[in-house]
Amino acid sequence: PSELLLSDRGPSIAPSHAASHTMGADTKELAAALITGLGLGAAAAYLVAKMLASPAFENDVRGEGYMLRRPSLLSQKNLLGEPAEPSLRKSSDNDGTSAELPPSDDSSHLSEHHLGAWLDDPASHPCWPQKHSAKKVLNPMARARPGMNFLNTDEKVLGSILLNDSKASIRSNALRGNCIRANATEYIFWEPAKVKAVMVTCGGLCPGLNSIIKGVTNCLWHDYNVRKIYGATGGYNGLSAPDKYQMLELNPEVVREIHMKGGSILKAGRGGFDAPKICKSLQQLGINLLFVIGGDGTQFAGHLLYEEARRQRLPISIVGVPKSIDNDVLFVDRTFGFDSAVESAAEVIRNGWVEASSCEKGVGIVKLMGRDAGFVAAHAALASNLVDLCLVPEVKVTMEDVCEHVDDVLKRKKYMVIVVAEGAGQDLVATGEKDATGHTVYGDIGVYLRDTLNKHLKPQGGRTFYIDPSYIIRSVPVTPNDHIYCSRLANNAVHTAMRGYTGVCVGAIHNVICILKSKLIASGKKQIKVKSTTWQSCVQNCHMPHSLSGGAQLAR
């Protein structure tokens, strides 16, 4: 933990301590795998599984629909398994057991993540979750709301709901053991009167942070009668140095109207992660419930904090709520704040359309957030229905193809709108630089497009209108539908913590909130699959040519 750095993109191992790797043997294994017909994607995934998580490989470890940032957190079986349907049949029985999966690979075997069993040998719990908890504390809602429906403790959600899946070969098997459903159970682990909870928001801003804070506070207060609820300010800094950062006392009065504005009342911050220090602070403060709200880097730190607490035998429920405006969190349907960002981005695109359509041969260029994933750009393009070209990090393009498409569109409709994610076309604007934590410094693709297209269009009498909303789309208030989703996540985070789970996150799988190991969330980033319905719909909606749609990548 002392070698962990928290940058604006999350924690990473300091470059000076990064493990060295010898690629000669790996190259031979890759060649052998290809000769035996394993396939490039699968062979690469096999090699990835052997590597330690190091900044040196941050931009090299990519697959169809994912970018593995910390591959050591996933086993080879989770990368190189059988297609989803056969694995699902083998690993899941009607009694909830997953006999053919070791606990470390079973997404629903959470004995190591439950305070009632986390110090036991996982093999001593062949069936998890147990149908009857050893510690029975009656949920206060059972008395307050007679007739309320509670979950079965062993209720699960299928990892895959598809039969005869056309994309089975490119899907991860990480959830083949299925997922334990979150939400409230009749009996819980913690005595509400003894609970002291704290929450922290880390990383950058995102629409819905205040909704999560409000939801967690109200659920603890109203549903579990918890009265000691706090918010640490400044991200992990507020936990590692609580004497230097204000600790807010939270209650329904404090959070009543905070969802009406953007940002975070806890002042989301970066850096400051030190697992031993934080555990010491939590112990001194008497905290036994910790809610960690942040992206994959924050959840990776949460996983390390869980491991440190387990090492110290410090019983704390650490539950994460994954946050990402880019919607790039692995395995979950979507992240909170994404819908709000898309709505805001669609409005900016309309502005670009107004400028472009009000000028002869005008080209509106809108650069949106999306460092490693183009979900915001693609969804905003679909939502606005005004875009002629969408450029995302997952699809490589050439400026020759871009200029040719621009000429074709201008010839047909006299104006054009381009949406580009900030991480797109980095091979065209590569800086070759790394920041202090080893992450690649990206070039400005938006400015490059503007200047290149202006030069191309000037002889024709055309011009560009460049708009970079930057942080505007992340600072907006949450939309109503997004707020509802935040409330679901917040409530289920509280229910999960009260049930005694730790080192886990909550997220929607097939629109059902589930409990996931934090290390799964922290193992990488989700990316757009070129074969996905979302991307193919975007390509069709924008009338993009084959050369700019990623079709050439599929052919290779």
Protein backbone atom coordinates (compact mmCIF):
# COMPACT_ATOMS: atom_id res chain seq x y z
CA PRO A 1 0.00 0.00 0.00
CA SER A 2 2.87 2.40 0.63
CA GLU A 3 3.82 2.04 -3.05
CA LEU A 4 0.36 3.01 -4.23
CA LEU A 5 -0.21 6.35 -5.91
CA LEU A 6 -3.59 7.91 -6.56
CA SER A 7 -3.63 10.00 -9.71
CA ASP A 8 -6.50 11.63 -11.54
CA ARG A 9 -7.04 8.25 -13.16
CA GLY A 10 -6.96 6.24 -9.94
CA PRO A 11 -4.25 4.33 -8.07
CA SER A 12 -1.27 2.73 -9.70
CA ILE A 13 2.00 1.24 -8.53
CA ALA A 14 4.79 3.78 -8.47
CA PRO A 15 6.98 3.41 -11.58
CA SER A 16 10.12 3.06 -9.50
CA HIS A 17 8.71 -0.08 -7.92
CA ALA A 18 7.09 -1.56 -11.03
CA ALA A 19 7.94 -5.18 -11.63
CA SER A 20 10.16 -5.95 -14.59
CA HIS A 21 8.92 -8.35 -17.25
CA THR A 22 10.74 -10.50 -19.76
CA MET A 23 8.81 -10.68 -23.00
CA GLY A 24 10.99 -13.18 -24.89
CA ALA A 25 9.34 -16.26 -23.39
CA ASP A 26 5.91 -14.69 -23.69
CA THR A 27 6.49 -14.04 -27.40
CA LYS A 28 7.33 -17.71 -27.93
CA GLU A 29 4.19 -18.75 -26.00
CA LEU A 30 2.10 -16.38 -28.12
CA ALA A 31 3.49 -17.89 -31.32
CA ALA A 32 2.85 -21.40 -30.03
CA ALA A 33 -0.70 -20.49 -29.07
CA LEU A 34 -1.39 -19.03 -32.49
CA ILE A 35 0.02 -22.11 -34.21
CA THR A 36 -2.30 -24.34 -32.18
CA GLY A 37 -5.23 -22.22 -33.27
CA LEU A 38 -6.01 -20.58 -29.94
CA GLY A 39 -6.55 -17.21 -31.60
CA LEU A 40 -4.90 -13.84 -31.16
CA GLY A 41 -7.42 -12.42 -28.67
CA ALA A 42 -7.40 -15.50 -26.45
CA ALA A 43 -3.62 -15.88 -26.62
CA ALA A 44 -3.11 -12.26 -25.70
CA ALA A 45 -5.53 -12.63 -22.79
CA TYR A 46 -3.53 -15.61 -21.57
CA LEU A 47 -0.34 -13.57 -21.53
CA VAL A 48 -2.12 -10.69 -19.85
CA ALA A 49 -3.16 -12.96 -17.01
CA LYS A 50 0.51 -13.65 -16.29
CA MET A 51 1.49 -10.02 -15.96
CA LEU A 52 1.45 -7.95 -12.80
CA ALA A 53 -0.56 -4.75 -12.82
CA SER A 54 1.98 -2.17 -13.94
CA PRO A 55 1.66 1.26 -15.56
CA ALA A 56 4.03 0.00 -18.25
CA PHE A 57 1.20 -2.11 -19.62
CA GLU A 58 -1.64 0.35 -19.10
CA ASN A 59 -2.16 1.07 -22.79
CA ASP A 60 -1.01 -2.30 -24.12
CA VAL A 61 -3.48 -4.65 -22.49
CA ARG A 62 -6.66 -4.32 -24.52
CA GLY A 63 -9.26 -6.73 -25.77
CA GLU A 64 -12.65 -6.62 -27.41
CA GLY A 65 -14.72 -4.55 -25.03
CA TYR A 66 -12.22 -4.21 -22.16
CA MET A 67 -8.89 -2.73 -21.16
CA LEU A 68 -7.23 -4.68 -18.38
CA ARG A 69 -5.43 -2.30 -16.05
CA ARG A 70 -4.76 -4.72 -13.20
CA PRO A 71 -4.82 -8.16 -14.83
CA SER A 72 -3.44 -9.89 -11.72
CA LEU A 73 -6.86 -9.38 -10.06
CA LEU A 74 -8.50 -11.72 -12.58
CA SER A 75 -7.63 -15.39 -12.96
CA GLN A 76 -6.86 -17.01 -16.29
CA LYS A 77 -10.15 -18.88 -16.11
CA ASN A 78 -12.02 -15.61 -15.99
CA LEU A 79 -10.27 -14.57 -19.19
CA LEU A 80 -9.97 -17.87 -21.01
CA GLY A 81 -13.07 -19.86 -20.20
CA GLU A 82 -15.57 -21.70 -22.28
CA PRO A 83 -18.44 -19.79 -23.89
CA ALA A 84 -20.88 -18.34 -21.40
CA GLU A 85 -23.74 -20.82 -21.79
CA PRO A 86 -21.82 -24.12 -21.23
CA SER A 87 -19.85 -22.58 -18.35
CA LEU A 88 -23.08 -21.36 -16.80
CA ARG A 89 -24.59 -24.82 -16.89
CA LYS A 90 -21.49 -26.40 -15.38
CA SER A 91 -20.89 -23.91 -12.62
CA SER A 92 -24.37 -23.25 -11.25
CA ASP A 93 -26.74 -25.72 -9.68
CA ASN A 94 -30.23 -25.25 -8.33
CA ASP A 95 -29.00 -25.26 -4.74
CA GLY A 96 -26.80 -22.25 -5.38
CA THR A 97 -23.50 -24.14 -5.30
CA SER A 98 -20.72 -23.69 -7.83
CA ALA A 99 -18.88 -26.93 -7.31
CA GLU A 100 -16.56 -26.76 -10.32
CA LEU A 101 -15.38 -23.23 -9.62
CA PRO A 102 -12.83 -22.53 -6.87
CA PRO A 103 -14.04 -19.78 -4.49
CA SER A 104 -11.52 -17.29 -5.86
CA ASP A 105 -13.04 -17.65 -9.35
CA ASP A 106 -16.67 -17.87 -8.29
CA SER A 107 -18.34 -14.47 -8.53
CA SER A 108 -21.04 -15.47 -6.03
CA HIS A 109 -18.80 -17.21 -3.48
CA LEU A 110 -18.34 -14.35 -1.03
CA SER A 111 -17.38 -16.13 2.18
CA GLU A 112 -14.08 -14.18 2.20
CA HIS A 113 -16.16 -11.05 1.84
CA HIS A 114 -18.57 -11.64 4.69
CA LEU A 115 -17.57 -10.66 8.22
CA GLY A 116 -19.15 -13.82 9.59
CA ALA A 117 -16.78 -16.03 7.60
CA TRP A 118 -14.01 -13.87 6.15
CA LEU A 119 -11.28 -15.45 8.30
CA ASP A 120 -12.34 -19.02 7.47
CA ASP A 121 -10.88 -21.20 4.75
CA PRO A 122 -13.22 -20.56 1.77
CA ALA A 123 -13.16 -24.29 1.05
CA SER A 124 -14.92 -24.83 4.39
CA HIS A 125 -17.99 -23.15 2.87
CA PRO A 126 -18.69 -25.25 -0.23
CA CYS A 127 -22.11 -23.66 -0.51
CA TRP A 128 -22.28 -19.87 -0.45
CA PRO A 129 -24.22 -17.88 0.39
CA GLN A 130 -25.61 -19.85 3.30
CA LYS A 131 -29.38 -19.99 3.43
CA HIS A 132 -29.41 -19.24 7.14
CA SER A 133 -27.04 -16.73 8.69
CA ALA A 134 -25.20 -17.77 11.85
CA LYS A 135 -25.75 -14.32 13.32
CA LYS A 136 -29.42 -13.36 13.37
CA VAL A 137 -30.20 -9.73 14.01
CA LEU A 138 -33.75 -8.91 13.02
CA ASN A 139 -33.93 -6.18 10.42
CA PRO A 140 -35.69 -3.12 11.95
CA MET A 141 -37.83 -2.89 8.81
CA ALA A 142 -39.36 -6.26 9.64
CA ARG A 143 -40.98 -4.66 12.70
CA ALA A 144 -41.70 -1.27 11.15
CA ARG A 145 -43.23 -2.62 7.94
CA PRO A 146 -45.03 -5.91 8.52
CA GLY A 147 -45.53 -7.83 5.32
CA MET A 148 -42.53 -6.27 3.59
CA ASN A 149 -40.81 -8.58 1.13
CA PHE A 150 -37.24 -9.54 1.99
CA LEU A 151 -34.73 -11.31 -0.23
CA ASN A 152 -33.59 -14.87 0.32
CA THR A 153 -29.97 -14.69 1.41
CA ASP A 154 -28.99 -17.06 -1.42
CA GLU A 155 -30.92 -15.19 -4.13
CA LYS A 156 -28.79 -14.83 -7.27
CA VAL A 157 -28.80 -13.18 -10.67
CA LEU A 158 -27.53 -15.08 -13.68
CA GLY A 159 -24.24 -13.87 -15.10
CA SER A 160 -25.53 -14.49 -18.61
CA ILE A 161 -29.16 -14.51 -19.72
CA LEU A 162 -28.48 -15.32 -23.38
CA LEU A 163 -28.86 -18.63 -25.14
CA ASN A 164 -26.98 -19.35 -28.38
CA ASP A 165 -25.08 -16.11 -27.86
CA SER A 166 -23.52 -14.81 -31.10
CA LYS A 167 -20.84 -12.99 -29.09
CA ALA A 168 -19.99 -15.73 -26.59
CA SER A 169 -16.39 -15.92 -27.78
CA ILE A 170 -15.65 -12.31 -26.80
CA ARG A 171 -17.46 -12.20 -23.46
CA SER A 172 -15.67 -12.48 -20.14
CA ASN A 173 -16.42 -15.47 -17.94
CA ALA A 174 -15.83 -13.52 -14.74
CA LEU A 175 -19.53 -13.71 -13.78
CA ARG A 176 -20.10 -17.33 -14.77
CA GLY A 177 -20.66 -18.16 -11.09
CA ASN A 178 -23.57 -15.68 -11.17
CA CYS A 179 -24.03 -12.81 -8.69
CA ILE A 180 -25.61 -12.55 -5.25
CA ARG A 181 -28.51 -10.15 -5.32
CA ALA A 182 -28.26 -7.05 -3.14
CA ASN A 183 -31.19 -5.44 -1.27
CA ALA A 184 -32.61 -6.10 2.20
CA THR A 185 -32.86 -9.42 4.02
CA GLU A 186 -34.97 -10.19 7.08
CA TYR A 187 -31.93 -10.88 9.23
CA ILE A 188 -28.77 -8.80 9.16
CA PHE A 189 -25.26 -8.91 10.58
CA TRP A 190 -24.89 -5.57 12.35
CA GLU A 191 -26.78 -4.33 15.38
CA PRO A 192 -28.08 -0.95 14.13
CA ALA A 193 -27.58 0.69 17.52
CA LYS A 194 -23.87 -0.14 17.35
CA VAL A 195 -23.33 1.09 13.79
CA LYS A 196 -21.16 4.12 13.04
CA ALA A 197 -20.97 4.83 9.32
CA VAL A 198 -18.85 7.06 7.12
CA MET A 199 -18.88 7.67 3.38
CA VAL A 200 -16.27 9.18 1.07
CA THR A 201 -16.37 10.45 -2.54
CA CYS A 202 -13.12 10.11 -4.47
CA GLY A 203 -11.81 11.19 -7.86
CA GLY A 204 -13.49 13.73 -10.10
CA LEU A 205 -17.02 15.03 -10.01
CA CYS A 206 -19.92 13.15 -11.52
CA PRO A 207 -23.66 13.88 -11.67
CA GLY A 208 -25.42 11.99 -8.88
CA LEU A 209 -22.76 12.11 -6.16
CA ASN A 210 -25.06 14.09 -3.90
CA SER A 211 -27.92 11.71 -4.71
CA ILE A 212 -25.79 8.79 -3.50
CA ILE A 213 -24.84 10.67 -0.32
CA LYS A 214 -28.49 11.50 0.32
CA GLY A 215 -29.64 7.94 -0.41
CA VAL A 216 -27.10 6.31 1.90
CA THR A 217 -27.86 8.78 4.69
CA ASN A 218 -31.64 8.41 4.47
CA CYS A 219 -31.54 4.61 4.23
CA LEU A 220 -29.31 4.31 7.30
CA TRP A 221 -31.39 6.85 9.24
CA HIS A 222 -34.94 5.88 8.32
CA ASP A 223 -34.67 2.15 7.56
CA TYR A 224 -32.05 1.06 10.12
CA ASN A 225 -32.35 3.78 12.78
CA VAL A 226 -28.63 4.53 12.56
CA ARG A 227 -27.84 7.94 14.04
CA LYS A 228 -24.05 8.12 13.72
CA ILE A 229 -23.51 8.94 10.05
CA TYR A 230 -20.56 10.96 8.75
CA GLY A 231 -19.00 12.13 5.51
CA ALA A 232 -15.24 12.36 5.12
CA THR A 233 -14.19 15.32 2.97
CA GLY A 234 -11.37 15.44 0.44
CA GLY A 235 -11.54 11.83 -0.71
CA TYR A 236 -9.23 9.34 0.99
CA ASN A 237 -7.34 12.28 2.50
CA GLY A 238 -10.21 12.73 4.94
CA LEU A 239 -9.77 9.15 6.17
CA SER A 240 -5.98 8.99 6.34
CA ALA A 241 -5.72 12.41 8.00
CA PRO A 242 -9.09 13.09 9.67
CA ASP A 243 -7.53 15.77 11.89
CA LYS A 244 -6.74 17.88 8.81
CA TYR A 245 -10.01 17.43 6.93
CA GLN A 246 -13.50 18.24 8.11
CA MET A 247 -15.77 15.32 8.97
CA LEU A 248 -19.37 16.25 8.25
CA GLU A 249 -22.15 14.89 10.43
CA LEU A 250 -24.98 13.78 8.14
CA ASN A 251 -28.69 13.47 8.77
CA PRO A 252 -31.90 13.87 6.71
CA GLU A 253 -31.97 17.61 7.38
CA VAL A 254 -28.44 18.12 6.02
CA VAL A 255 -29.03 16.10 2.84
CA ARG A 256 -32.64 17.12 2.17
CA GLU A 257 -31.99 19.25 -0.94
CA ILE A 258 -28.45 18.34 -1.98
CA HIS A 259 -29.62 16.25 -4.94
CA MET A 260 -30.84 19.44 -6.60
CA LYS A 261 -27.31 20.59 -7.38
CA GLY A 262 -24.24 19.07 -9.01
CA GLY A 263 -20.93 18.25 -7.38
CA SER A 264 -20.40 16.70 -3.96
CA ILE A 265 -20.99 18.24 -0.55
CA LEU A 266 -18.06 16.07 0.59
CA LYS A 267 -15.66 17.78 -1.82
CA ALA A 268 -14.45 14.83 -3.86
CA GLY A 269 -10.67 14.61 -3.76
CA ARG A 270 -7.73 12.68 -5.15
CA GLY A 271 -4.75 11.07 -3.47
CA GLY A 272 -4.24 10.45 0.23
CA PHE A 273 -4.67 6.68 0.18
CA ASP A 274 -2.72 4.83 2.85
CA ALA A 275 -4.39 1.57 3.92
CA PRO A 276 -2.71 1.13 7.34
CA LYS A 277 -3.33 4.78 8.24
CA ILE A 278 -6.96 4.62 7.17
CA CYS A 279 -7.56 1.41 9.12
CA LYS A 280 -6.03 3.04 12.18
CA SER A 281 -8.26 6.09 11.76
CA LEU A 282 -11.38 3.99 11.28
CA GLN A 283 -10.56 1.99 14.39
CA GLN A 284 -9.93 5.10 16.48
CA LEU A 285 -13.16 6.69 15.25
CA GLY A 286 -15.14 3.49 15.92
CA ILE A 287 -16.30 3.24 12.30
CA ASN A 288 -17.70 -0.13 11.25
CA LEU A 289 -19.41 0.79 7.95
CA LEU A 290 -17.49 2.52 5.15
CA PHE A 291 -19.06 3.50 1.82
CA VAL A 292 -16.56 4.22 -0.96
CA ILE A 293 -17.93 6.17 -3.92
CA GLY A 294 -15.59 6.36 -6.90
CA GLY A 295 -14.25 4.79 -10.09
CA ASP A 296 -12.17 1.69 -10.74
CA GLY A 297 -9.11 3.29 -9.12
CA THR A 298 -11.08 4.16 -6.00
CA GLN A 299 -12.52 0.65 -5.84
CA PHE A 300 -9.03 -0.83 -6.28
CA ALA A 301 -7.98 1.20 -3.25
CA GLY A 302 -11.12 -0.07 -1.48
CA HIS A 303 -10.04 -3.63 -2.26
CA LEU A 304 -6.59 -2.95 -0.79
CA LEU A 305 -8.24 -1.41 2.26
CA TYR A 306 -10.39 -4.53 2.68
CA GLU A 307 -7.28 -6.71 2.48
CA GLU A 308 -5.53 -4.58 5.11
CA ALA A 309 -8.55 -4.69 7.42
CA ARG A 310 -8.71 -8.46 6.98
CA ARG A 311 -5.01 -8.74 7.77
CA GLN A 312 -5.57 -6.72 10.95
CA ARG A 313 -8.80 -8.62 11.69
CA LEU A 314 -10.61 -5.30 11.85
CA PRO A 315 -14.34 -5.95 11.28
CA ILE A 316 -15.50 -3.20 8.93
CA SER A 317 -18.02 -3.47 6.12
CA ILE A 318 -16.40 -1.74 3.14
CA VAL A 319 -18.91 -1.32 0.32
CA GLY A 320 -18.26 0.55 -2.91
CA VAL A 321 -20.58 2.38 -5.27
CA PRO A 322 -18.76 2.50 -8.64
CA LYS A 323 -18.67 5.93 -10.28
CA SER A 324 -17.67 6.82 -13.83
CA ILE A 325 -19.00 9.50 -16.10
CA ASP A 326 -17.50 7.48 -18.98
CA ASN A 327 -19.59 4.39 -18.10
CA ASP A 328 -16.39 2.33 -18.32
CA VAL A 329 -16.81 0.23 -15.16
CA LEU A 330 -16.52 -3.47 -15.92
CA PHE A 331 -19.46 -5.88 -15.64
CA VAL A 332 -22.20 -3.46 -14.55
CA ASP A 333 -24.94 -2.31 -16.93
CA ARG A 334 -24.19 1.35 -16.43
CA THR A 335 -22.75 3.75 -13.88
CA PHE A 336 -24.64 6.53 -12.15
CA GLY A 337 -24.20 9.97 -13.70
CA PHE A 338 -23.77 8.58 -17.20
CA ASP A 339 -27.31 9.32 -18.34
CA SER A 340 -27.05 12.88 -17.00
CA ALA A 341 -23.76 13.40 -18.83
CA VAL A 342 -25.22 12.08 -22.07
CA GLU A 343 -28.18 14.45 -21.82
CA SER A 344 -25.87 17.40 -21.22
CA ALA A 345 -23.58 16.32 -24.07
CA ALA A 346 -26.53 16.00 -26.45
CA GLU A 347 -27.40 19.65 -25.75
CA VAL A 348 -23.84 20.69 -26.66
CA ILE A 349 -24.09 18.69 -29.88
CA ARG A 350 -27.22 20.62 -30.77
CA ASN A 351 -25.20 23.82 -30.34
CA GLY A 352 -22.59 22.44 -32.71
CA TRP A 353 -25.31 21.57 -35.18
CA VAL A 354 -26.73 25.11 -35.06
CA GLU A 355 -23.30 26.57 -35.83
CA ALA A 356 -22.53 24.12 -38.63
CA SER A 357 -25.93 24.27 -40.30
CA SER A 358 -25.88 28.07 -40.27
CA CYS A 359 -22.77 28.21 -42.44
CA GLU A 360 -22.03 27.00 -45.95
CA LYS A 361 -19.81 23.96 -45.67
CA GLY A 362 -19.68 24.29 -41.91
CA VAL A 363 -18.36 21.42 -39.81
CA GLY A 364 -19.23 21.36 -36.10
CA ILE A 365 -16.73 19.46 -33.95
CA VAL A 366 -17.67 18.56 -30.37
CA LYS A 367 -15.09 16.93 -28.10
CA LEU A 368 -16.55 14.94 -25.22
CA MET A 369 -15.17 13.06 -22.25
CA GLY A 370 -14.04 9.49 -22.85
CA ARG A 371 -10.37 8.81 -22.24
CA ASP A 372 -10.41 5.07 -22.85
CA ALA A 373 -14.05 4.41 -23.72
CA GLY A 374 -16.40 6.14 -26.13
CA PHE A 375 -19.73 5.47 -24.43
CA VAL A 376 -20.54 9.15 -23.81
CA ALA A 377 -19.74 10.09 -27.41
CA ALA A 378 -21.67 7.18 -28.92
CA HIS A 379 -24.75 7.58 -26.72
CA ALA A 380 -24.80 11.37 -27.11
CA ALA A 381 -24.59 10.93 -30.88
CA LEU A 382 -27.56 8.56 -30.78
CA ALA A 383 -29.50 10.82 -28.42
CA SER A 384 -29.03 13.96 -30.53
CA ASN A 385 -29.61 12.22 -33.89
CA LEU A 386 -27.61 15.02 -35.52
CA VAL A 387 -24.15 13.48 -35.87
CA ASP A 388 -22.44 12.42 -39.09
CA LEU A 389 -19.23 11.02 -37.62
CA CYS A 390 -18.47 9.64 -34.15
CA LEU A 391 -14.85 8.95 -33.24
CA VAL A 392 -14.11 6.78 -30.20
CA PRO A 393 -10.92 5.35 -28.64
CA GLU A 394 -11.89 1.80 -29.56
CA VAL A 395 -11.81 2.42 -33.33
CA LYS A 396 -8.67 3.48 -35.17
CA VAL A 397 -9.09 5.84 -38.13
CA THR A 398 -6.91 7.71 -40.63
CA MET A 399 -7.28 11.37 -41.46
CA GLU A 400 -7.50 10.44 -45.13
CA ASP A 401 -10.68 8.47 -44.44
CA VAL A 402 -12.03 11.23 -42.20
CA CYS A 403 -11.46 13.91 -44.87
CA GLU A 404 -13.04 11.74 -47.53
CA HIS A 405 -16.15 11.24 -45.39
CA VAL A 406 -16.29 14.99 -44.63
CA ASP A 407 -16.23 15.76 -48.35
CA ASP A 408 -18.99 13.24 -49.05
CA VAL A 409 -21.26 14.59 -46.31
CA LEU A 410 -20.73 18.23 -47.30
CA LYS A 411 -21.51 17.37 -50.89
CA ARG A 412 -24.74 15.71 -49.81
CA LYS A 413 -26.08 18.07 -47.09
CA LYS A 414 -23.81 21.16 -47.08
CA TYR A 415 -22.87 20.87 -43.38
CA MET A 416 -21.66 18.23 -40.92
CA VAL A 417 -21.39 17.45 -37.21
CA ILE A 418 -18.51 15.41 -35.72
CA VAL A 419 -18.37 14.08 -32.18
CA VAL A 420 -15.00 12.91 -30.88
CA ALA A 421 -14.12 11.31 -27.55
CA GLU A 422 -11.02 12.78 -25.90
CA GLY A 423 -9.16 9.46 -26.14
CA ALA A 424 -9.87 8.84 -29.83
CA GLY A 425 -7.15 8.98 -32.48
CA GLN A 426 -4.28 8.99 -30.03
CA ASP A 427 -2.02 7.41 -32.64
CA LEU A 428 -2.43 10.70 -34.54
CA VAL A 429 -1.59 12.96 -31.59
CA ALA A 430 0.59 10.77 -29.38
CA THR A 431 2.73 12.77 -26.94
CA GLY A 432 5.02 9.92 -25.93
CA GLU A 433 4.90 11.26 -22.39
CA LYS A 434 3.90 9.76 -19.03
CA ASP A 435 2.66 11.56 -15.97
CA ALA A 436 4.07 11.13 -12.47
CA THR A 437 2.15 7.91 -11.92
CA GLY A 438 3.06 6.29 -15.22
CA HIS A 439 -0.16 7.03 -17.08
CA THR A 440 0.05 8.14 -20.70
CA VAL A 441 -0.39 11.87 -21.35
CA TYR A 442 -2.93 12.10 -24.15
CA GLY A 443 -2.71 14.54 -27.02
CA ASP A 444 -5.58 16.90 -27.88
CA ILE A 445 -7.46 15.16 -30.67
CA GLY A 446 -10.11 17.89 -30.78
CA VAL A 447 -7.66 20.68 -31.61
CA TYR A 448 -5.89 18.39 -34.09
CA LEU A 449 -9.15 17.68 -35.91
CA ARG A 450 -10.06 21.37 -35.95
CA ASP A 451 -6.74 22.48 -37.39
CA THR A 452 -6.45 19.63 -39.88
CA LEU A 453 -9.98 20.02 -41.21
CA ASN A 454 -9.71 23.81 -41.38
CA LYS A 455 -6.67 23.38 -43.59
CA HIS A 456 -8.52 20.83 -45.69
CA LEU A 457 -11.71 22.90 -46.01
CA LYS A 458 -10.22 26.36 -46.59
CA PRO A 459 -9.69 25.91 -50.37
CA GLN A 460 -13.36 24.84 -50.64
CA GLY A 461 -14.67 27.79 -48.68
CA GLY A 462 -15.54 25.70 -45.63
CA ARG A 463 -14.62 25.97 -41.96
CA THR A 464 -15.03 24.25 -38.59
CA PHE A 465 -16.78 25.29 -35.37
CA TYR A 466 -15.01 23.67 -32.44
CA ILE A 467 -16.72 23.19 -29.06
CA ASP A 468 -15.05 21.62 -26.03
CA PRO A 469 -17.52 21.54 -23.10
CA SER A 470 -14.83 19.94 -20.94
CA TYR A 471 -16.05 19.69 -17.33
CA ILE A 472 -19.48 21.18 -18.05
CA ILE A 473 -21.12 17.80 -18.64
CA ARG A 474 -19.90 16.38 -15.33
CA SER A 475 -20.92 19.31 -13.14
CA VAL A 476 -24.62 19.37 -14.07
CA PRO A 477 -27.34 18.33 -11.60
CA VAL A 478 -28.50 14.75 -11.87
CA THR A 479 -31.48 14.02 -14.14
CA PRO A 480 -34.65 12.44 -12.65
CA ASN A 481 -34.04 8.94 -14.04
CA ASP A 482 -30.41 9.05 -12.96
CA HIS A 483 -31.48 10.15 -9.47
CA ILE A 484 -33.79 7.13 -9.22
CA TYR A 485 -30.89 4.88 -10.20
CA CYS A 486 -28.66 6.56 -7.60
CA SER A 487 -31.29 5.92 -4.95
CA ARG A 488 -31.40 2.22 -5.88
CA LEU A 489 -27.61 1.95 -5.66
CA ALA A 490 -27.44 3.85 -2.37
CA ASN A 491 -30.17 1.78 -0.70
CA ASN A 492 -28.62 -1.48 -1.84
CA ALA A 493 -25.16 -0.39 -0.69
CA VAL A 494 -26.59 0.12 2.80
CA HIS A 495 -28.47 -3.20 2.76
CA THR A 496 -25.29 -4.98 1.60
CA ALA A 497 -23.21 -3.43 4.39
CA MET A 498 -25.82 -4.22 7.05
CA ARG A 499 -25.81 -7.84 5.87
CA GLY A 500 -22.11 -7.99 6.80
CA TYR A 501 -20.46 -7.96 3.39
CA THR A 502 -17.12 -6.23 2.89
CA GLY A 503 -14.66 -5.64 0.06
CA VAL A 504 -17.53 -5.53 -2.40
CA CYS A 505 -19.36 -3.12 -4.69
CA VAL A 506 -22.97 -2.84 -5.79
CA GLY A 507 -24.01 -2.50 -9.41
CA ALA A 508 -26.76 -3.39 -11.84
CA ILE A 509 -26.53 -6.70 -13.69
CA HIS A 510 -29.46 -7.11 -16.13
CA ASN A 511 -31.02 -4.14 -14.27
CA VAL A 512 -30.95 -5.99 -10.92
CA ILE A 513 -28.63 -4.56 -8.26
CA CYS A 514 -26.05 -7.20 -7.32
CA ILE A 515 -23.04 -7.62 -5.05
CA LEU A 516 -19.67 -7.84 -6.84
CA LYS A 517 -16.18 -8.34 -5.49
CA SER A 518 -14.35 -5.01 -5.60
CA LYS A 519 -11.37 -6.64 -7.26
CA LEU A 520 -13.55 -7.49 -10.27
CA ILE A 521 -14.56 -3.86 -10.66
CA ALA A 522 -10.93 -2.78 -10.18
CA SER A 523 -9.39 -5.18 -12.70
CA GLY A 524 -9.82 -2.93 -15.72
CA LYS A 525 -12.14 -0.75 -17.75
CA LYS A 526 -15.07 -1.51 -19.99
CA GLN A 527 -14.89 -0.38 -23.58
CA ILE A 528 -17.26 -0.31 -26.52
CA LYS A 529 -17.39 -3.56 -28.42
CA VAL A 530 -17.25 -2.93 -32.15
CA LYS A 531 -19.78 -5.74 -32.57
CA SER A 532 -22.14 -4.32 -29.95
CA THR A 533 -25.64 -3.18 -30.79
CA THR A 534 -24.86 0.27 -29.39
CA TRP A 535 -21.91 0.87 -31.68
CA GLN A 536 -23.50 -0.64 -34.75
CA SER A 537 -26.60 1.51 -34.15
CA CYS A 538 -24.35 4.56 -33.88
CA VAL A 539 -22.61 3.68 -37.13
CA GLN A 540 -25.93 3.24 -38.92
CA ASN A 541 -27.46 6.37 -37.41
CA CYS A 542 -24.49 8.51 -38.46
CA HIS A 543 -24.23 6.85 -41.90
CA MET A 544 -20.54 6.22 -41.29
CA PRO A 545 -18.54 4.36 -43.94
CA HIS A 546 -16.94 0.98 -43.34
CA SER A 547 -13.49 2.57 -43.06
CA LEU A 548 -14.52 4.63 -40.02
CA SER A 549 -16.77 2.13 -38.26
CA GLY A 550 -14.20 -0.40 -37.08
CA GLY A 551 -15.19 -2.90 -39.74
CA ALA A 552 -11.60 -3.20 -40.89
CA GLN A 553 -10.57 -4.16 -37.34
CA LEU A 554 -13.14 -6.94 -37.31
CA ALA A 555 -11.87 -8.22 -40.66
CA ARG A 556 -8.35 -8.48 -39.26
